[in-house]
């Protein structure tokens, strides 16, 4: 019997200890400054499985975030169980936070019109409780 999958969106909060230049799939080569990043993704076919994959160290590089996760420390995961397609709305909210910067245009947003789904902060952004206030 197949287990019911929880659909949803999520934020990954990463810390990059030192500046790093990475080629990210077909989207290009980027200089990532040291600091904090919030990545917004969706997992409409299974939130638990997607987050477990992001936590794994050994995996095939499939999504843009996989490239950065090889170098950055995953410090917080904010899952949001929902059937609503709200990935881009959540991302816009992160982009509106004080100190938010775009350092990798089109990162994680090749299937939408967002400028990026990876937002850079020089210092640690608000914790998950503020990222996930349901708005």
Protein backbone atom coordinates (compact mmCIF):
# COMPACT_ATOMS: atom_id res chain seq x y z
CA UNK A 1 0.00 0.00 0.00
CA UNK A 2 1.39 3.39 -1.01
CA UNK A 3 1.69 6.01 1.71
CA UNK A 4 -0.23 9.28 1.28
CA UNK A 5 2.11 12.08 0.21
CA UNK A 6 1.82 15.57 1.71
CA UNK A 7 1.98 18.32 -0.91
CA UNK A 8 3.52 21.65 -0.04
CA UNK A 9 6.09 24.38 -0.42
CA UNK A 10 9.19 24.97 1.65
CA UNK A 11 12.02 27.31 2.49
CA UNK A 12 15.59 26.15 2.99
CA UNK A 13 17.82 28.47 4.99
CA UNK A 14 21.50 27.99 4.11
CA UNK A 15 24.74 29.42 5.38
CA UNK A 16 27.72 29.76 3.09
CA UNK A 17 30.89 30.22 5.15
CA UNK A 18 33.10 31.64 2.39
CA UNK A 19 32.58 33.21 -1.03
CA UNK A 20 32.16 30.55 -3.70
CA UNK A 21 31.92 30.53 -7.48
CA UNK A 22 29.71 27.75 -8.86
CA UNK A 23 28.40 26.68 -12.22
CA UNK A 24 24.72 25.90 -11.69
CA UNK A 25 23.46 23.60 -14.42
CA UNK A 26 22.39 25.47 -17.54
CA UNK A 27 21.52 28.67 -15.70
CA UNK A 28 25.18 29.69 -15.53
CA UNK A 29 28.12 30.52 -13.32
CA UNK A 30 27.60 32.68 -10.23
CA UNK A 31 29.70 34.24 -7.49
CA UNK A 32 27.95 33.48 -4.22
CA UNK A 33 29.08 35.76 -1.39
CA UNK A 34 29.45 34.36 2.12
CA UNK A 35 26.29 34.78 4.13
CA UNK A 36 22.80 33.36 4.30
CA UNK A 37 20.41 32.23 1.60
CA UNK A 38 16.72 31.36 1.57
CA UNK A 39 15.63 29.03 -1.20
CA UNK A 40 11.91 28.59 -1.88
CA UNK A 41 10.73 25.40 -3.54
CA UNK A 42 7.64 23.30 -4.04
CA UNK A 43 6.96 19.62 -3.58
CA UNK A 44 3.40 19.02 -4.68
CA UNK A 45 4.07 15.28 -5.00
CA UNK A 46 5.60 14.81 -1.56
CA UNK A 47 7.07 17.31 0.85
CA UNK A 48 8.73 14.74 3.12
CA UNK A 49 10.57 12.99 0.29
CA UNK A 50 11.78 16.25 -1.27
CA UNK A 51 13.11 17.57 2.03
CA UNK A 52 14.80 14.25 2.79
CA UNK A 53 16.50 14.44 -0.60
CA UNK A 54 17.74 17.97 0.08
CA UNK A 55 19.23 16.79 3.39
CA UNK A 56 21.16 13.94 1.74
CA UNK A 57 24.82 14.59 0.99
CA UNK A 58 25.14 12.11 -1.85
CA UNK A 59 22.75 12.64 -4.74
CA UNK A 60 22.66 13.30 -8.45
CA UNK A 61 22.66 17.01 -9.26
CA UNK A 62 19.15 17.58 -10.58
CA UNK A 63 17.85 20.94 -9.32
CA UNK A 64 19.69 24.24 -9.05
CA UNK A 65 19.68 24.05 -5.25
CA UNK A 66 21.60 20.75 -5.40
CA UNK A 67 24.69 22.63 -6.61
CA UNK A 68 24.65 25.12 -3.74
CA UNK A 69 23.85 22.45 -1.13
CA UNK A 70 27.21 20.82 -1.95
CA UNK A 71 28.97 23.89 -0.48
CA UNK A 72 26.50 25.49 1.93
CA UNK A 73 25.28 24.33 5.33
CA UNK A 74 21.55 23.66 5.59
CA UNK A 75 20.64 25.35 8.88
CA UNK A 76 16.84 25.46 8.79
CA UNK A 77 13.97 23.85 6.90
CA UNK A 78 10.54 25.48 6.90
CA UNK A 79 7.92 23.12 5.42
CA UNK A 80 4.44 24.43 4.60
CA UNK A 81 1.87 21.71 3.94
CA UNK A 82 -0.57 23.00 1.33
CA UNK A 83 -2.27 22.03 -1.88
CA UNK A 84 -2.15 25.67 -3.04
CA UNK A 85 0.52 26.58 -5.58
CA UNK A 86 2.04 29.37 -3.53
CA UNK A 87 5.76 28.93 -4.16
CA UNK A 88 6.11 32.20 -6.08
CA UNK A 89 4.02 34.19 -3.59
CA UNK A 90 6.15 32.88 -0.70
CA UNK A 91 9.29 33.74 -2.66
CA UNK A 92 8.08 37.30 -3.28
CA UNK A 93 7.56 37.63 0.46
CA UNK A 94 11.17 36.57 1.14
CA UNK A 95 12.40 39.02 -1.52
CA UNK A 96 10.55 41.82 0.30
CA UNK A 97 12.38 41.26 3.60
CA UNK A 98 14.94 43.88 4.70
CA UNK A 99 18.41 43.10 3.36
CA UNK A 100 17.21 40.70 0.63
CA UNK A 101 19.38 40.61 -2.49
CA UNK A 102 19.39 38.68 -5.76
CA UNK A 103 22.86 37.29 -6.51
CA UNK A 104 21.86 34.45 -8.87
CA UNK A 105 19.18 35.50 -11.37
CA UNK A 106 16.91 32.64 -12.59
CA UNK A 107 18.18 30.29 -9.84
CA UNK A 108 15.36 27.85 -9.14
CA UNK A 109 12.90 29.84 -11.22
CA UNK A 110 13.29 28.44 -14.71
CA UNK A 111 9.64 27.32 -14.73
CA UNK A 112 8.09 30.64 -13.61
CA UNK A 113 8.46 34.39 -14.09
CA UNK A 114 10.21 35.11 -10.77
CA UNK A 115 13.63 36.76 -10.92
CA UNK A 116 15.03 34.01 -8.67
CA UNK A 117 13.98 31.58 -5.95
CA UNK A 118 17.24 32.03 -4.05
CA UNK A 119 17.52 35.15 -1.89
CA UNK A 120 20.78 36.31 -0.31
CA UNK A 121 21.16 38.00 3.09
CA UNK A 122 24.43 39.26 4.61
CA UNK A 123 23.20 38.27 8.09
CA UNK A 124 20.79 35.55 9.13
CA UNK A 125 17.22 36.32 8.09
CA UNK A 126 14.26 35.83 10.38
CA UNK A 127 13.64 32.33 11.70
CA UNK A 128 11.10 29.89 10.31
CA UNK A 129 8.32 31.03 12.59
CA UNK A 130 8.33 34.40 10.78
CA UNK A 131 8.94 32.86 7.35
CA UNK A 132 5.89 30.63 7.85
CA UNK A 133 3.22 32.90 9.28
CA UNK A 134 0.76 31.73 6.62
CA UNK A 135 0.56 35.00 4.67
